[in-house]
Protein backbone atom coordinates (compact mmCIF):
# COMPACT_ATOMS: atom_id res chain seq x y z
CA MET A 1 -11.73 -0.72 24.81
CA THR A 2 -11.11 -4.20 26.34
CA THR A 3 -8.06 -4.45 28.27
CA HIS A 4 -5.76 -7.59 28.78
CA ASN A 5 -3.71 -9.14 31.81
CA LYS A 6 -3.23 -5.90 32.99
CA LYS A 7 -3.60 -4.82 36.52
CA ARG A 8 -5.36 -1.98 38.11
CA VAL A 9 -3.20 0.11 40.51
CA PRO A 10 -4.22 2.74 42.81
CA LEU A 11 -3.09 6.21 42.15
CA ALA A 12 -2.24 8.81 44.61
CA GLY A 13 -4.38 11.57 42.29
CA PRO A 14 -4.80 13.01 38.81
CA ALA A 15 -1.30 14.51 38.81
CA LEU A 16 0.27 11.30 39.68
CA ALA A 17 -1.72 9.47 36.66
CA LEU A 18 -0.82 11.90 34.29
CA ALA A 19 2.75 11.12 34.95
CA VAL A 20 3.22 7.57 35.09
CA MET A 21 0.59 7.62 31.94
CA ALA A 22 3.34 10.10 30.01
CA ALA A 23 6.51 8.73 30.83
CA PRO A 24 6.95 6.24 29.05
CA ALA A 25 5.64 7.71 25.82
CA LEU A 26 8.29 10.65 26.82
CA ALA A 27 11.14 8.72 27.39
CA ALA A 28 10.37 6.54 23.89
CA THR A 29 10.11 10.12 22.33
CA GLU A 30 13.41 11.00 23.91
CA ALA A 31 15.33 7.90 23.28
CA GLY A 32 14.01 8.33 19.04
CA GLU A 33 14.78 11.78 18.42
CA GLU A 34 18.31 11.22 20.38
CA LEU A 35 18.73 7.95 17.48
CA ILE A 36 18.18 10.70 14.89
CA ARG A 37 20.15 12.93 15.87
CA ASN A 38 23.02 10.19 16.24
CA ASN A 39 22.53 8.69 13.14
CA CYS A 40 20.33 11.66 10.53
CA LEU A 41 21.73 15.25 11.34
CA ALA A 42 25.01 14.90 9.31
CA CYS A 43 22.51 16.01 6.56
CA HIS A 44 19.13 16.77 8.38
CA SER A 45 19.04 19.68 10.70
CA ASP A 46 16.75 20.33 13.95
CA THR A 47 14.26 22.73 13.24
CA GLY A 48 13.93 23.82 16.76
CA ASN A 49 10.13 23.47 16.13
CA SER A 50 8.67 20.80 18.26
CA GLU A 51 5.98 19.84 15.79
CA THR A 52 8.29 19.28 13.13
CA PRO A 53 12.06 18.78 14.72
CA PHE A 54 13.80 17.55 12.13
CA SER A 55 14.01 18.70 8.65
CA ARG A 56 12.27 16.70 6.18
CA ILE A 57 11.88 13.48 8.58
CA SER A 58 9.11 14.78 10.57
CA GLU A 59 7.30 16.24 7.38
CA GLN A 60 6.23 12.61 6.76
CA ARG A 61 4.65 9.50 7.67
CA LYS A 62 4.81 6.17 6.46
CA THR A 63 4.50 2.37 6.95
CA PRO A 64 6.98 0.49 8.59
CA GLU A 65 8.81 -0.80 5.20
CA GLY A 66 8.46 2.52 3.96
CA TRP A 67 10.99 3.81 6.78
CA LEU A 68 13.34 0.72 6.11
CA MET A 69 13.24 1.71 2.60
CA THR A 70 14.02 5.70 3.33
CA ILE A 71 16.97 4.31 5.53
CA ASN A 72 18.56 1.57 3.15
CA ARG A 73 18.17 4.21 0.60
CA MET A 74 20.31 6.74 2.76
CA GLN A 75 22.48 3.94 3.74
CA GLU A 76 23.27 2.96 -0.15
CA LEU A 77 23.00 5.90 -1.77
CA ARG A 78 23.76 8.91 0.64
CA GLY A 79 26.59 6.67 2.80
CA ALA A 80 24.90 6.86 6.26
CA GLN A 81 26.66 4.77 8.71
CA ILE A 82 23.67 3.67 11.13
CA SER A 83 24.52 0.33 12.78
CA THR A 84 21.58 -2.67 12.35
CA GLU A 85 20.89 -2.23 16.15
CA ASP A 86 19.84 1.54 15.49
CA LYS A 87 18.24 0.55 12.02
CA ARG A 88 16.27 -1.41 13.89
CA ALA A 89 15.35 1.13 16.52
CA LEU A 90 14.85 4.24 14.09
CA VAL A 91 12.21 1.90 11.99
CA GLN A 92 10.25 1.04 15.45
CA TYR A 93 9.88 5.04 16.55
CA LEU A 94 9.53 6.31 13.43
CA ALA A 95 6.38 3.99 12.37
CA ASP A 96 5.26 4.12 15.96
CA HIS A 97 5.19 7.91 15.83
CA GLN A 98 5.02 9.05 12.20
CA GLY A 99 3.16 5.92 10.89
CA LEU A 100 -0.51 5.65 9.27
CA ALA A 101 -3.67 5.02 11.05
CA PRO A 102 -5.41 1.50 10.70
CA SER A 103 -7.89 3.27 8.29
CA GLU A 104 -5.28 4.61 6.03
CA ALA A 105 -3.61 1.59 5.62
CA GLU A 106 -6.59 -0.57 4.93
CA PRO A 107 -7.34 -0.25 1.16
CA TYR A 108 -3.21 -0.78 0.59
CA ARG A 109 -2.61 -3.88 2.77
CA TYR A 110 -1.89 -6.06 -0.51
CA LEU A 111 1.20 -4.21 -0.98
CA LEU A 112 2.38 -4.96 2.50
CA GLU A 113 1.18 -8.36 2.65
CA GLN A 114 3.69 -8.78 -0.65
CA ASP A 115 0.23 -10.08 -2.66
CA THR A 116 1.33 -8.17 -5.65
CA ASN A 117 -0.81 -10.27 -8.36
CA LEU A 118 -3.60 -7.89 -9.06
CA VAL A 119 -4.59 -4.92 -11.19
CA GLU A 120 -5.01 -1.93 -9.22
CA SER A 121 -8.03 -0.19 -10.05
CA GLY A 122 -9.75 3.09 -8.98
CA VAL A 123 -6.54 5.04 -9.61
CA ASP A 124 -7.00 8.79 -10.38
CA GLU A 125 -5.76 8.88 -13.80
CA GLY A 126 -3.79 11.92 -13.07
CA LEU A 127 -1.91 10.19 -10.47
CA GLY A 128 -1.78 6.87 -12.44
CA GLN A 129 -0.43 8.69 -15.27
CA MET A 130 2.27 10.83 -13.74
CA CYS A 131 3.25 8.35 -10.95
CA ALA A 132 1.63 4.70 -10.86
CA ARG A 133 3.32 3.98 -14.35
CA CYS A 134 6.51 3.65 -12.96
CA HIS A 135 5.36 1.93 -9.34
CA SER A 136 2.46 0.78 -8.02
CA ALA A 137 -0.45 3.36 -6.72
CA ALA A 138 -0.21 1.47 -2.97
CA ARG A 139 3.65 3.23 -2.92
CA PHE A 140 2.42 6.54 -2.84
CA SER A 141 -0.70 6.19 -1.28
CA LEU A 142 0.85 4.58 1.74
CA GLN A 143 2.80 7.83 2.58
CA ARG A 144 1.47 11.09 4.21
CA ARG A 145 3.62 14.24 3.78
CA THR A 146 3.14 17.96 3.90
CA GLU A 147 2.50 19.62 0.48
CA ASP A 148 6.08 20.93 0.66
CA GLU A 149 7.28 17.41 1.24
CA TRP A 150 5.32 15.95 -1.79
CA LYS A 151 7.20 19.20 -3.72
CA ARG A 152 10.27 18.26 -2.55
CA LEU A 153 9.56 14.50 -3.27
CA VAL A 154 9.10 15.80 -7.37
CA GLY A 155 12.68 17.52 -6.92
CA PHE A 156 13.98 13.95 -5.35
CA HIS A 157 12.73 11.88 -8.70
CA MET A 158 14.42 14.73 -11.12
CA GLY A 159 17.76 14.71 -9.13
CA GLN A 160 17.70 10.83 -8.82
CA PHE A 161 16.50 9.83 -12.09
CA PRO A 162 17.32 12.56 -14.71
CA THR A 163 15.83 10.82 -17.39
CA ILE A 164 12.23 10.57 -15.88
CA GLU A 165 11.18 13.03 -18.62
CA LEU A 166 12.26 11.30 -21.37
CA HIS A 167 9.84 7.98 -20.58
CA SER A 168 6.67 7.22 -21.97
CA LEU A 169 3.70 9.63 -20.45
CA ALA A 170 6.20 12.03 -19.55
CA ARG A 171 8.04 13.08 -22.56
CA ASP A 172 4.35 14.13 -24.19
CA ARG A 173 3.73 16.89 -21.74
CA ALA A 174 5.47 19.34 -19.31
CA TRP A 175 6.26 16.58 -17.03
CA TYR A 176 8.39 18.68 -14.07
CA ASP A 177 5.81 21.47 -14.38
CA ILE A 178 2.91 19.24 -14.09
CA ALA A 179 4.46 17.09 -11.30
CA GLN A 180 5.63 20.29 -9.13
CA ASN A 181 2.22 22.77 -9.57
CA GLN A 182 -0.36 20.15 -10.29
CA THR A 183 0.80 16.25 -9.24
CA ALA A 184 2.36 17.54 -5.84
CA VAL A 185 -0.82 19.48 -4.93
CA GLU A 186 -2.70 17.00 -5.83
CA LEU A 187 -1.01 14.29 -3.12
CA GLY A 188 -0.92 17.30 -0.56
CA ASN A 189 -4.52 17.61 -0.42
CA LYS A 190 -5.22 13.37 -0.80
CA PHE A 191 -2.54 12.24 1.44
CA PRO A 192 -1.41 15.01 3.92
CA LEU A 193 0.50 14.73 6.86
CA ILE A 194 -1.86 15.59 9.44
CA THR A 195 -5.27 13.82 9.28
CA PRO A 196 -8.20 13.45 11.84
CA GLU A 197 -7.79 9.32 11.53
CA TRP A 198 -4.16 9.93 12.56
CA ASN A 199 -4.51 12.32 15.45
CA SER A 200 -7.65 9.70 16.65
CA TRP A 201 -5.21 6.62 16.73
CA LYS A 202 -2.43 8.46 18.29
CA ALA A 203 -4.61 9.38 21.12
CA ALA A 204 -6.22 5.85 21.41
CA PRO A 205 -4.79 3.01 23.44
CA LYS A 206 -3.22 0.19 22.18
CA ALA A 207 -3.60 -3.42 23.07
CA ASP A 208 -1.24 -5.87 24.41
CA LEU A 209 -0.82 -8.82 21.73
CA THR A 210 0.84 -11.25 24.54
CA GLY A 211 -1.43 -14.56 24.64
CA ARG A 212 -2.58 -17.54 23.07
CA TRP A 213 -4.10 -17.11 19.36
CA ARG A 214 -6.12 -19.60 17.33
CA VAL A 215 -4.51 -19.81 13.56
CA LEU A 216 -5.87 -20.50 10.14
CA GLY A 217 -4.09 -20.23 7.04
CA TYR A 218 -2.97 -21.56 4.16
CA VAL A 219 0.29 -22.75 2.80
CA PRO A 220 0.77 -23.49 -1.31
CA GLY A 221 1.69 -26.60 -1.31
CA LYS A 222 0.78 -28.02 1.99
CA GLY A 223 -3.17 -27.07 2.25
CA GLU A 224 -4.98 -24.94 4.94
CA PHE A 225 -3.93 -25.30 8.47
CA THR A 226 -5.36 -24.59 12.14
CA ALA A 227 -3.16 -24.00 15.00
CA TRP A 228 -2.58 -22.19 18.56
CA MET A 229 -0.06 -19.69 18.41
CA ASP A 230 1.42 -18.28 21.33
CA ALA A 231 2.89 -14.90 21.69
CA SER A 232 5.15 -13.93 25.31
CA LYS A 233 6.65 -10.68 25.56
CA SER A 234 10.32 -10.29 24.55
CA GLU A 235 12.99 -7.33 24.80
CA THR A 236 11.79 -5.88 21.47
CA GLY A 237 8.62 -7.38 20.82
CA TYR A 238 7.47 -10.91 21.00
CA GLN A 239 8.23 -14.71 21.02
CA LEU A 240 6.30 -16.99 19.27
CA SER A 241 5.59 -20.67 19.42
CA LEU A 242 2.96 -22.67 16.64
CA GLU A 243 1.28 -25.79 16.82
CA GLY A 244 -1.09 -27.55 14.84
CA GLN A 245 -1.90 -29.60 11.65
CA TYR A 246 -2.75 -29.17 8.19
CA SER A 247 -6.23 -30.42 6.75
CA ASP A 248 -4.56 -33.53 5.87
CA GLY A 249 -4.00 -34.32 9.32
CA SER A 250 0.26 -34.01 9.49
CA ALA A 251 1.31 -31.68 11.79
CA LEU A 252 3.18 -28.36 12.02
CA SER A 253 5.41 -26.86 14.44
CA GLY A 254 7.18 -23.72 14.29
CA LYS A 255 9.10 -21.10 16.48
CA GLY A 256 9.64 -17.21 15.78
CA SER A 257 9.56 -13.42 16.90
CA ALA A 258 7.54 -10.32 16.01
CA ARG A 259 7.44 -7.03 16.43
CA VAL A 260 4.35 -4.77 16.75
CA TYR A 261 4.44 -1.16 14.82
CA THR A 262 2.17 1.73 15.21
CA GLY A 263 0.21 -0.46 18.04
CA TYR A 264 -1.50 -2.98 15.30
CA GLU A 265 1.26 -3.82 12.34
CA TRP A 266 1.89 -7.36 13.09
CA ARG A 267 5.55 -8.49 11.64
CA ALA A 268 6.94 -11.67 12.56
CA ALA A 269 9.40 -14.01 11.39
CA ILE A 270 8.82 -17.43 12.18
CA GLU A 271 10.49 -20.72 11.18
CA ILE A 272 7.80 -23.95 10.09
CA ASP A 273 9.37 -27.20 10.05
CA GLY A 274 12.22 -25.60 8.77
CA VAL A 275 10.91 -23.14 6.15
CA LYS A 276 11.40 -19.89 7.09
CA MET A 277 7.94 -17.50 6.54
CA ARG A 278 6.88 -14.43 7.46
CA GLN A 279 3.78 -13.27 8.92
CA VAL A 280 1.96 -9.24 7.95
CA MET A 281 -1.13 -8.90 9.66
CA ALA A 282 -3.12 -5.89 11.04
CA ALA A 283 -4.91 -6.24 14.58
CA ASP A 284 -7.75 -4.59 15.52
CA ALA A 285 -8.15 -1.96 18.16
CA GLU A 286 -9.31 -4.47 20.58
CA GLY A 287 -6.20 -6.48 19.94
CA SER A 288 -8.41 -9.66 19.53
CA VAL A 289 -8.52 -10.13 15.73
CA MET A 290 -5.55 -10.22 13.35
CA ASP A 291 -5.65 -10.76 9.81
CA GLY A 292 -3.53 -10.58 6.71
CA ARG A 293 -0.82 -12.96 5.16
CA MET A 294 1.90 -15.48 5.71
CA PHE A 295 4.50 -16.20 3.03
CA ASN A 296 7.90 -17.67 2.40
CA THR A 297 11.07 -15.18 3.09
CA GLU A 298 12.94 -16.54 0.31
CA ALA A 299 9.75 -16.51 -2.39
CA ARG A 300 7.30 -14.03 -1.29
CA GLU A 301 5.08 -15.34 -3.88
CA ILE A 302 4.58 -18.30 -1.93
CA GLY A 303 1.94 -17.40 0.27
CA GLY A 304 -1.28 -17.23 1.41
CA GLU A 305 -4.10 -16.02 4.00
CA LEU A 306 -3.53 -16.11 7.44
CA MET A 307 -6.03 -15.05 10.49
CA ALA A 308 -5.61 -15.17 14.20
CA VAL A 309 -8.03 -14.95 16.39
CA ARG A 310 -7.21 -14.53 20.93
CA ASP A 311 -7.88 -16.35 23.06
CA GLN A 312 -9.82 -14.56 25.57
CA GLY A 313 -11.25 -17.44 27.99
CA GLN A 314 -14.48 -16.87 26.05
CA PRO A 315 -16.34 -19.73 23.66
CA ALA A 316 -15.51 -18.66 19.72
CA VAL A 317 -16.56 -20.01 16.69
CA VAL A 318 -13.88 -19.13 14.60
CA ALA A 319 -14.79 -20.90 11.22
CA VAL A 320 -15.99 -23.75 9.36
CA LEU A 321 -13.91 -26.18 6.88
CA PRO A 322 -14.74 -26.49 4.36
CA ALA A 323 -17.23 -23.28 4.62
CA HIS A 324 -19.47 -25.12 2.10
CA LEU A 325 -22.23 -27.89 1.86
CA LYS A 326 -24.38 -29.08 -0.90
CA LEU A 327 -27.94 -29.92 -0.40
CA GLY A 328 -28.76 -33.69 -0.39
CA GLU A 329 -24.96 -34.75 0.36
CA SER A 330 -23.49 -36.08 3.18
CA ALA A 331 -19.77 -34.65 4.37
CA GLU A 332 -17.43 -34.30 6.87
CA LEU A 333 -17.16 -30.57 8.50
CA THR A 334 -14.72 -29.21 11.17
CA ILE A 335 -15.71 -26.59 13.27
CA VAL A 336 -12.81 -24.27 14.17
CA GLY A 337 -12.79 -22.33 17.37
CA GLN A 338 -11.79 -22.05 21.14
CA ASN A 339 -13.19 -22.82 24.50
CA LEU A 340 -16.53 -24.67 22.67
CA ASP A 341 -18.60 -26.24 24.90
CA GLY A 342 -22.35 -26.95 24.30
CA ASP A 343 -25.00 -28.27 21.65
CA VAL A 344 -23.78 -28.10 18.51
CA SER A 345 -26.21 -26.46 15.53
CA LEU A 346 -25.03 -25.70 11.88
CA GLY A 347 -28.15 -23.78 10.99
CA ASP A 348 -31.61 -24.39 9.71
CA GLY A 349 -31.75 -27.67 7.75
CA VAL A 350 -28.48 -28.92 8.48
CA GLU A 351 -28.64 -32.16 10.00
CA ILE A 352 -25.71 -33.68 12.19
CA GLU A 353 -25.19 -37.27 11.23
CA LYS A 354 -22.62 -38.07 13.29
CA VAL A 355 -20.00 -36.25 15.85
CA ILE A 356 -16.73 -38.16 14.78
CA ALA A 357 -14.45 -36.17 17.13
CA ARG A 358 -14.96 -33.36 19.77
CA ASP A 359 -12.80 -31.38 21.96
CA GLY A 360 -12.29 -27.75 23.28
CA ASP A 361 -10.98 -26.40 19.97
CA SER A 362 -12.58 -28.26 17.39
CA ILE A 363 -15.51 -30.48 16.45
CA ARG A 364 -15.77 -32.66 13.78
CA VAL A 365 -18.90 -33.85 12.31
CA LEU A 366 -20.87 -35.98 9.27
CA ALA A 367 -23.49 -33.54 8.45
CA LYS A 368 -26.40 -33.35 5.41
CA ALA A 369 -27.86 -30.15 4.75
CA SER A 370 -31.80 -29.82 3.40
CA GLY A 371 -34.36 -26.92 3.14
CA ALA A 372 -33.40 -23.59 0.97
CA ALA A 373 -29.56 -22.86 -0.02
CA GLY A 374 -28.23 -19.71 1.69
CA ALA A 375 -25.51 -18.56 4.14
CA ARG A 376 -26.05 -20.78 8.19
CA THR A 377 -25.12 -19.28 11.04
CA VAL A 378 -23.37 -21.99 13.08
CA SER A 379 -23.08 -22.26 17.08
CA VAL A 380 -21.52 -24.20 20.02
CA GLY A 381 -23.28 -23.63 23.00
CA ASP A 382 -23.23 -19.16 23.52
CA ALA A 383 -20.49 -19.12 20.62
CA SER A 384 -21.80 -18.33 17.00
CA LYS A 385 -20.35 -17.39 13.24
CA ASP A 386 -22.99 -15.52 11.23
CA GLN A 387 -22.66 -16.83 7.74
CA ALA A 388 -20.22 -19.53 8.45
CA LEU A 389 -21.62 -22.32 6.66
CA ALA A 390 -22.73 -21.92 2.73
CA VAL A 391 -25.56 -24.88 1.56
CA TYR A 392 -26.09 -24.90 -1.99
CA ASP A 393 -27.87 -26.46 -4.67
CA SER A 394 -25.06 -26.45 -7.58
CA LEU A 395 -21.99 -24.84 -7.98
CA ALA A 396 -22.50 -22.23 -10.58
CA ARG A 397 -18.91 -20.95 -11.51
CA VAL A 398 -15.72 -20.94 -10.43
CA GLU A 399 -13.19 -17.89 -9.69
CA VAL A 400 -9.53 -18.55 -10.19
CA THR A 401 -7.49 -16.38 -8.38
CA PRO A 402 -5.12 -14.49 -9.13
CA ALA A 403 -7.40 -13.10 -12.14
CA ASN A 404 -3.80 -11.76 -13.58
CA ALA A 405 -1.01 -12.88 -12.79
CA LEU A 406 2.64 -12.58 -13.50
CA SER A 407 5.39 -15.17 -12.95
CA ARG A 408 9.17 -14.84 -14.51
CA ILE A 409 11.50 -17.25 -15.78
CA GLY A 410 14.81 -18.14 -13.79
CA GLY A 411 17.41 -20.39 -12.67
CA ASN A 412 19.62 -22.74 -15.40
CA GLY A 413 22.68 -21.87 -13.65
CA GLY A 414 21.66 -17.76 -13.36
CA GLU A 415 21.60 -15.93 -10.12
CA MET A 416 17.90 -14.98 -10.10
CA ALA A 417 15.49 -17.96 -9.16
CA LYS A 418 12.42 -18.16 -11.00
CA VAL A 419 9.32 -16.67 -9.45
CA ARG A 420 6.12 -18.83 -9.55
CA THR A 421 2.61 -18.24 -9.01
CA VAL A 422 -0.06 -19.70 -6.31
CA TYR A 423 -3.59 -20.30 -7.66
CA ARG A 424 -7.07 -21.25 -5.89
CA ALA A 425 -10.30 -21.68 -6.87
CA VAL A 426 -13.25 -19.93 -5.15
CA GLY A 427 -16.67 -21.35 -5.73
CA TYR A 428 -19.97 -19.35 -6.28
CA ALA A 429 -23.84 -20.61 -6.08
CA ALA A 430 -25.97 -18.50 -8.23
CA GLY A 431 -27.87 -16.11 -5.86
CA ALA A 432 -31.72 -15.81 -5.95
CA ASP A 433 -32.16 -14.52 -9.13
CA GLY A 434 -30.33 -17.69 -10.26
CA GLN A 435 -28.03 -16.14 -12.36
CA PRO A 436 -24.58 -16.40 -11.78
CA GLY A 437 -22.09 -13.37 -11.78
CA THR A 438 -24.38 -10.83 -10.36
CA ASP A 439 -24.17 -9.33 -6.75
CA ASP A 440 -25.78 -11.94 -4.99
CA ASP A 441 -24.08 -14.65 -5.86
CA LEU A 442 -23.39 -16.97 -2.61
CA ARG A 443 -19.60 -17.61 -2.11
CA LEU A 444 -18.90 -21.14 -1.08
CA GLY A 445 -14.64 -20.21 -0.44
CA TYR A 446 -12.13 -22.24 -1.58
CA MET A 447 -12.69 -25.37 -3.64
CA PRO A 448 -10.43 -28.28 -4.38
CA ALA A 449 -9.54 -27.94 -8.11
CA THR A 450 -7.54 -29.99 -10.96
CA TRP A 451 -5.31 -27.08 -13.09
CA SER A 452 -3.93 -27.02 -16.11
CA ILE A 453 -2.31 -24.49 -18.97
CA ALA A 454 -3.35 -23.40 -22.32
CA PRO A 455 -2.11 -20.67 -24.89
CA ALA A 456 -3.51 -17.32 -24.01
CA ASP A 457 -4.47 -16.57 -27.83
CA GLU A 458 -3.23 -17.25 -31.34
CA VAL A 459 0.04 -16.30 -31.61
CA ALA A 460 0.63 -17.92 -28.10
CA ALA A 461 -0.40 -21.43 -29.18
CA HIS A 462 1.90 -20.97 -32.49
CA ASP A 463 5.01 -20.11 -30.05
CA LYS A 464 3.65 -23.36 -28.11
CA ASP A 465 3.73 -21.56 -24.96
CA GLU A 466 2.38 -23.91 -22.68
CA LYS A 467 5.13 -26.05 -23.84
CA TYR A 468 7.82 -24.34 -23.04
CA ALA A 469 7.01 -21.27 -20.68
CA GLY A 470 6.15 -23.62 -17.30
CA ALA A 471 3.96 -26.48 -15.88
CA ILE A 472 1.78 -26.06 -12.81
CA ASP A 473 0.96 -28.71 -10.41
CA ALA A 474 -1.95 -30.70 -8.73
CA SER A 475 -1.80 -28.12 -6.12
CA GLY A 476 -1.95 -25.03 -7.93
CA ILE A 477 1.50 -24.01 -7.99
CA PHE A 478 2.59 -22.85 -11.73
CA THR A 479 6.43 -22.89 -11.94
CA PRO A 480 7.71 -21.07 -15.03
CA GLY A 481 10.61 -22.45 -17.37
CA ASP A 482 14.42 -21.94 -17.33
CA ALA A 483 16.17 -18.70 -17.91
CA GLY A 484 18.31 -18.23 -21.24
CA PRO A 485 17.85 -18.81 -24.71
CA ASN A 486 15.86 -22.43 -25.61
CA PRO A 487 17.44 -23.77 -28.64
CA GLU A 488 14.09 -25.86 -29.48
CA ARG A 489 12.08 -22.26 -30.20
CA LYS A 490 11.89 -20.22 -32.85
CA MET A 491 15.31 -17.89 -33.23
CA SER A 492 16.31 -19.73 -30.08
CA ALA A 493 14.29 -17.10 -27.77
CA ASN A 494 13.41 -17.66 -23.93
CA ASN A 495 11.11 -19.11 -22.40
CA VAL A 496 8.68 -16.30 -21.74
CA GLY A 497 4.60 -16.91 -22.86
CA ARG A 498 1.05 -15.94 -22.32
CA LEU A 499 -1.19 -18.31 -21.03
CA THR A 500 -4.35 -18.94 -19.89
CA VAL A 501 -4.54 -21.10 -16.17
CA VAL A 502 -7.50 -23.31 -16.07
CA GLY A 503 -9.13 -24.53 -12.82
CA SER A 504 -11.69 -27.05 -12.87
CA VAL A 505 -13.89 -28.12 -9.75
CA SER A 506 -16.16 -31.02 -10.07
CA ASP A 507 -19.61 -30.86 -8.57
CA GLY A 508 -21.77 -33.96 -8.46
CA GLY A 509 -20.53 -34.88 -11.54
CA ASN A 510 -20.41 -31.98 -13.50
CA ASP A 511 -16.94 -30.14 -13.80
CA VAL A 512 -17.33 -26.06 -13.41
CA THR A 513 -14.09 -23.97 -14.92
CA GLY A 514 -12.33 -20.75 -14.02
CA GLU A 515 -9.92 -19.01 -15.85
CA GLY A 516 -7.10 -16.88 -14.78
CA SER A 517 -4.49 -14.90 -17.13
CA LEU A 518 -0.96 -15.46 -16.49
CA LEU A 519 2.44 -13.30 -17.97
CA VAL A 520 5.51 -15.46 -17.82
CA ALA A 521 7.95 -12.74 -18.42
CA PRO A 522 11.65 -12.39 -18.01
CA GLN A 523 13.35 -11.68 -14.63
CA ASP A 524 13.20 -8.56 -12.80
CA PHE A 525 16.70 -7.31 -13.20
CA VAL A 526 16.14 -4.18 -10.69
CA ARG A 527 13.84 -5.87 -8.03
CA ARG A 528 15.66 -4.80 -4.79
CA VAL A 529 15.34 -6.87 -1.74
CA LEU A 530 14.71 -4.59 1.32
CA ASP A 531 15.29 -6.31 4.25
């Protein structure tokens, strides 16, 4: 692992070195345990066991969001009196000392990033019926517990939700016996408290994430952007400043703060041009790249992908925008990077007809491709990025994302706002086999699309769902209809509906379309906001 912004200090000997290295961790542990004693031992107990010092608490590992939900539940249902300052410190301590390793959290990052418009796949059938019928599979997959603690969780569900055995997929079986004697055991085996991944991550050095970061992202309604983000140390984490521009050339700027949990979980609150946003990203082990999502604080569905690459003083090609170029056509491309210097190459058969603008951060060119279709390596001097540009002959298919989405009516004088949905179109060219829809399709990246909605089926057409359930704008943002009864609909029904979202991409005079499924539903009256 490389280290950043650190000076090597001569030490007197191995014993002194160990003491210097261990002191901060020991102090943090003592401070964290004192926080638990001061805030939690009215109900929990000190076990006297150094491995699991606190009953229940020490037998679990969770994400920062998981620990926050636990503390909120203790406050609201158990009357725990915890100050805001102690609450933040507790989440920090518990996530740092009883969190998840990067490899443990990685398959379920969509939940952490609040990107929940997807259908989970690969869920064990038994766990799906016993657990994921009420909440996402990611919810329990982002926890680690001892087998006894999983069994206690079953007991909690019975005590807190006594009608659980009467629900669908529960009343047709001996739910409690299965949950206690089979499901909890399976969860204990699948998601145990102690794992090699966690032991390895605990022992690994953690990167300092201060510095200058090249950021690429997407804001619905605004478009893709590139920016520089500066992260400097603060008392609780990092202070942030962001300066950049959208793809249409308009400027963006912002300031905020960030915390890092478990050595890699980046959580930032940042205000960009007056809009409060949140960043949820995971840093790699070296602290050189972070990936995740940024979304509107007040409307988590309004967000997009986010990537940050640290400026380490070396030339780097980060991306090419757009990431596709059609054979035989001239188009403008922008190479985004840092410390760019030297000759530019867009790969075999791609001619740079003109350099429009150039500096150390980006290079804008007019390019034309010939030769064979396929992915190209883009390089500037000694810096390069594999498969950064897709050269294609024709657009074969369009994938609308999300493929399955849920939107919710709202507003109209009510307290619950509308829940919108953001759509984007991803283009693909046929691979070597010439058949679109196979594994070797060439991904072209996001492409501009024309958006429309249609009824999902005959019933939806009869009920005119496309008229009442909402509308989609030119940037792909669907806004559902108003809450409450609608006198124009049969029996004054509300504005729910089933729709098909159609994205149409123009390619050389041909329009290629893709479709997504959208359910416009009533308000989520049980949704909790756990800030």
